[in-house]
Amino acid sequence: MKMEHLPMRQLGYFATGMTNPNHIRYSGGTFSSTAGLIINSSTGEIDLSASSVGTYTVSYLTSSNVCAVTGTFDVTITPDEDASFSYASYGYCTDDSDPTPTITGTTGGTFSSTAGLSLNASTGQIDLDASTPGSYDVTYTTSSNACAQTSTQSITIAVPAVGFSYGGTTAFCTDGRSSHITGQVEHSPPKWINDRRSTGTIDVSASQQLPIM
C-alpha cells in the first residue's frame, strides 16, 4: 500500500491588491474552498480581486483513489488601505499658521519628508518657522502591514517678501493728488499699516501734517 503524507495546515494573509497567490507544492489534486473565495480548482490560484474580504479554508484533495488525503490552508483576505490626505494649500510662507493635513483615508499612519522640513511624523503638522524655505515632498504611509499604501503631496515654503515704492517720492503736500503704490507685493493679501489696506493708496488731503526733521 502506498502511503501519502497529509499536507500541513497553514495560515496566509493577502491584500486585495496583491498578486494572486498560486499553489505550487502539490500537483494532480483538486482545490476547493468555503464560499466567497474564487479559486482555480486545478492550480489553487486565488483571484483576490474577485474574492470577498474574509477568512477562508482552502482544501486540497490529492486524488480520488483510496489512498487520497486532504490538506487545508487558511487564507485571510483584507482590503487595501487608503493613503489619501491633503493640506489646505500647496504653498505657505514662514509666518503662516502651521498647517495640519486632513486624512480622508486610513488613519494611524506615519508622515515623512525630504530633509529640511520640520514635520510631525504622527499628525503631519508642518512647523513653518523651523523649516528651511524650499520645496518638499510629504509622504503618508498608512501602516507597516502587507496592505499598506502610500501617497505624496508637494509643499513649497517661502519667506514673505515685500517690495514697493511711491514713485520715488517721500514728501507730499496736503493739496496734492493721492499717491498710488508701484512695484510688487509678494504676500497675499498684503498687510498694510495705517493706510488703505487693500491698495496702499495714501489720501494726502486726509493725512496729518508732520514736521520735516
Protein backbone atom coordinates (compact mmCIF):
# COMPACT_ATOMS: atom_id res chain seq x y z
CA MET A 1 0.00 0.00 0.00
CA LYS A 2 1.31 3.45 -0.92
CA MET A 3 1.23 5.99 1.91
CA GLU A 4 0.86 9.74 1.28
CA HIS A 5 1.64 12.40 3.90
CA LEU A 6 -1.09 14.80 4.91
CA PRO A 7 -0.17 18.41 3.97
CA MET A 8 0.29 20.69 6.99
CA ARG A 9 -2.44 23.21 7.82
CA GLN A 10 -1.11 26.76 7.45
CA LEU A 11 -2.39 30.34 7.52
CA GLY A 12 -1.80 33.05 4.91
CA TYR A 13 -2.77 36.73 4.71
CA PHE A 14 -3.29 38.58 1.43
CA ALA A 15 -4.40 42.07 0.41
CA THR A 16 -6.89 42.59 -2.40
CA GLY A 17 -4.31 44.48 -4.47
CA MET A 18 -1.55 41.87 -4.25
CA THR A 19 -0.52 39.40 -6.96
CA ASN A 20 -2.80 36.36 -7.00
CA PRO A 21 -1.24 33.58 -4.85
CA ASN A 22 -0.63 30.29 -6.64
CA HIS A 23 -0.22 26.86 -5.03
CA ILE A 24 2.98 25.24 -6.35
CA ARG A 25 3.98 22.46 -3.92
CA TYR A 26 1.50 19.75 -4.92
CA SER A 27 0.04 18.78 -8.29
CA GLY A 28 -2.61 16.47 -9.65
CA GLY A 29 -5.20 17.02 -6.95
CA THR A 30 -8.22 19.27 -6.57
CA PHE A 31 -8.61 22.53 -4.66
CA SER A 32 -11.81 23.75 -3.04
CA SER A 33 -12.77 26.44 -0.54
CA THR A 34 -15.51 27.83 1.61
CA ALA A 35 -17.91 30.25 -0.14
CA GLY A 36 -16.66 33.71 -1.12
CA LEU A 37 -13.17 32.72 -2.25
CA ILE A 38 -12.62 32.47 -6.00
CA ILE A 39 -10.07 29.70 -6.52
CA ASN A 40 -8.90 27.64 -9.50
CA SER A 41 -9.70 24.02 -8.63
CA SER A 42 -6.77 22.69 -10.68
CA THR A 43 -3.94 25.10 -9.80
CA GLY A 44 -5.12 26.56 -6.50
CA GLU A 45 -4.63 30.12 -7.77
CA ILE A 46 -6.80 32.59 -5.84
CA ASP A 47 -8.38 35.54 -7.65
CA LEU A 48 -8.01 38.20 -4.96
CA SER A 49 -9.87 40.97 -6.79
CA ALA A 50 -12.89 38.74 -7.38
CA SER A 51 -12.94 37.27 -3.87
CA SER A 52 -14.73 38.78 -0.90
CA VAL A 53 -12.83 40.10 2.11
CA GLY A 54 -12.74 37.50 4.88
CA THR A 55 -11.11 34.31 6.16
CA TYR A 56 -11.41 31.04 4.23
CA THR A 57 -10.29 27.43 4.46
CA VAL A 58 -8.75 26.04 1.27
CA SER A 59 -8.83 22.24 0.97
CA TYR A 60 -6.57 20.18 -1.28
CA LEU A 61 -7.56 16.60 -2.14
CA THR A 62 -4.56 14.75 -3.55
CA SER A 63 -6.54 12.36 -5.75
CA SER A 64 -9.72 10.32 -5.99
CA ASN A 65 -8.19 6.93 -5.11
CA VAL A 66 -8.44 5.08 -1.85
CA CYS A 67 -5.13 6.47 -0.56
CA ALA A 68 -6.09 10.09 -1.13
CA VAL A 69 -5.58 12.59 1.67
CA THR A 70 -6.81 16.11 2.24
CA GLY A 71 -4.80 19.09 3.45
CA THR A 72 -6.13 22.50 4.47
CA PHE A 73 -4.80 26.03 4.37
CA ASP A 74 -6.44 29.07 5.99
CA VAL A 75 -6.47 32.24 3.88
CA THR A 76 -7.43 35.72 5.09
CA ILE A 77 -8.12 38.48 2.55
CA THR A 78 -8.12 42.07 3.80
CA PRO A 79 -8.93 45.26 1.87
CA ASP A 80 -6.18 47.61 0.68
CA GLU A 81 -5.67 50.61 2.94
CA ASP A 82 -6.29 54.17 1.70
CA ALA A 83 -3.45 56.71 1.94
CA SER A 84 -5.48 59.75 0.83
CA PHE A 85 -4.55 63.01 2.60
CA SER A 86 -4.18 66.68 1.71
CA TYR A 87 -3.02 70.03 3.02
CA ALA A 88 -5.22 73.10 2.56
CA SER A 89 -2.61 74.63 0.24
CA TYR A 90 0.45 73.63 -1.76
CA GLY A 91 2.41 76.73 -0.69
CA TYR A 92 3.00 78.54 2.60
CA CYS A 93 5.03 81.45 3.96
CA THR A 94 7.19 81.01 7.04
CA ASP A 95 4.95 83.39 9.02
CA ASP A 96 1.72 81.49 8.23
CA SER A 97 -0.04 79.29 10.78
CA ASP A 98 1.43 75.78 10.92
CA PRO A 99 -0.69 73.57 8.61
CA THR A 100 -2.01 70.12 9.55
CA PRO A 101 -3.23 67.78 6.78
CA THR A 102 -6.66 66.21 6.56
CA ILE A 103 -6.58 62.41 6.27
CA THR A 104 -9.55 61.14 4.29
CA GLY A 105 -8.23 57.59 4.06
CA THR A 106 -6.83 55.18 6.65
CA THR A 107 -5.76 56.94 9.86
CA GLY A 108 -2.94 55.99 12.22
CA GLY A 109 -0.14 56.06 9.65
CA THR A 110 3.19 57.89 9.54
CA PHE A 111 4.29 61.07 7.75
CA SER A 112 7.78 61.61 6.37
CA SER A 113 9.52 64.14 4.15
CA THR A 114 12.73 65.11 2.45
CA ALA A 115 15.36 66.83 4.62
CA GLY A 116 14.78 70.43 5.69
CA LEU A 117 11.08 70.21 6.52
CA SER A 118 10.16 70.17 10.21
CA LEU A 119 7.34 67.62 10.22
CA ASN A 120 5.38 65.85 12.95
CA ALA A 121 5.51 62.17 11.95
CA SER A 122 2.22 61.34 13.68
CA THR A 123 -0.03 64.28 12.72
CA GLY A 124 1.71 65.61 9.61
CA GLN A 125 1.74 69.16 11.03
CA ILE A 126 4.49 71.31 9.48
CA ASP A 127 6.46 73.71 11.69
CA LEU A 128 6.91 76.52 9.17
CA ASP A 129 9.22 78.65 11.35
CA ALA A 130 11.57 75.71 11.94
CA SER A 131 11.59 74.58 8.29
CA THR A 132 14.05 75.70 5.65
CA PRO A 133 12.34 77.56 2.75
CA GLY A 134 12.09 75.35 -0.32
CA SER A 135 10.04 72.62 -1.97
CA TYR A 136 9.37 69.29 -0.29
CA ASP A 137 7.52 66.01 -0.81
CA VAL A 138 5.43 64.87 2.15
CA THR A 139 4.66 61.13 2.12
CA TYR A 140 1.96 59.39 4.17
CA THR A 141 2.30 55.63 4.80
CA THR A 142 -0.81 54.02 6.27
CA SER A 143 0.87 51.19 8.21
CA SER A 144 3.59 48.54 8.09
CA ASN A 145 1.44 45.57 7.07
CA ALA A 146 1.02 43.91 3.68
CA CYS A 147 -2.00 46.05 2.75
CA ALA A 148 -0.28 49.40 3.43
CA GLN A 149 -0.46 52.21 0.88
CA THR A 150 1.43 55.49 0.40
CA SER A 151 0.65 58.85 -1.17
CA THR A 152 2.64 62.07 -1.60
CA GLN A 153 1.89 65.80 -1.73
CA SER A 154 4.36 68.52 -2.72
CA ILE A 155 4.70 71.53 -0.41
CA THR A 156 6.59 74.80 -1.01
CA ILE A 157 7.65 77.11 1.83
CA ALA A 158 8.72 80.69 1.06
CA VAL A 159 9.90 83.73 3.02
CA PRO A 160 7.38 86.59 2.69
CA ALA A 161 8.92 89.47 0.69
CA VAL A 162 7.58 92.99 0.13
CA GLY A 163 8.98 95.38 -2.46
CA PHE A 164 7.14 98.61 -3.28
CA SER A 165 7.58 102.38 -3.67
CA TYR A 166 5.56 105.58 -4.19
CA GLY A 167 7.34 106.52 -7.38
CA GLY A 168 10.45 107.68 -5.56
CA THR A 169 8.56 110.43 -3.72
CA THR A 170 8.76 110.61 0.07
CA ALA A 171 7.18 114.03 0.74
CA PHE A 172 3.68 115.18 -0.23
CA CYS A 173 1.62 118.35 0.03
CA THR A 174 -1.86 118.20 1.53
CA ASP A 175 -3.40 119.59 -1.65
CA GLY A 176 -1.60 117.07 -3.81
CA ARG A 177 -3.02 114.03 -5.51
CA SER A 178 -3.36 110.68 -3.78
CA SER A 179 -0.27 108.58 -4.31
CA HIS A 180 -0.56 105.02 -5.60
CA ILE A 181 1.76 102.14 -4.96
CA THR A 182 4.05 100.78 -7.65
CA GLY A 183 6.08 97.58 -7.64
CA GLN A 184 5.26 94.11 -6.39
CA VAL A 185 3.96 92.88 -3.10
CA GLU A 186 4.79 89.20 -2.64
CA HIS A 187 2.32 88.42 0.09
CA SER A 188 -1.34 87.62 -0.36
CA PRO A 189 -3.19 89.52 0.93
CA PRO A 190 -0.75 92.44 1.57
CA LYS A 191 -0.58 93.60 5.18
CA TRP A 192 -0.75 97.41 5.09
CA ILE A 193 -0.24 99.58 8.16
CA ASN A 194 -2.11 102.88 8.80
CA ASP A 195 -3.25 103.43 5.20
CA ARG A 196 -5.62 101.96 2.61
CA ARG A 197 -5.34 98.28 3.44
CA SER A 198 -6.29 96.88 0.06
CA THR A 199 -4.36 99.18 -2.32
CA GLY A 200 -1.75 101.05 -0.27
CA THR A 201 -3.07 104.39 -1.60
CA ILE A 202 -2.28 107.41 0.60
CA ASP A 203 -5.04 110.03 0.85
CA VAL A 204 -2.80 113.09 1.22
CA SER A 205 -5.59 115.56 1.98
CA ALA A 206 -6.90 113.43 4.84
CA SER A 207 -3.46 112.80 6.35
CA GLN A 208 -1.92 114.70 9.28
CA GLN A 209 0.84 117.22 8.69
CA LEU A 210 4.17 116.18 10.11
CA PRO A 211 7.20 118.46 10.52
CA ILE A 212 10.22 117.84 8.34
CA MET A 213 13.09 116.82 10.58
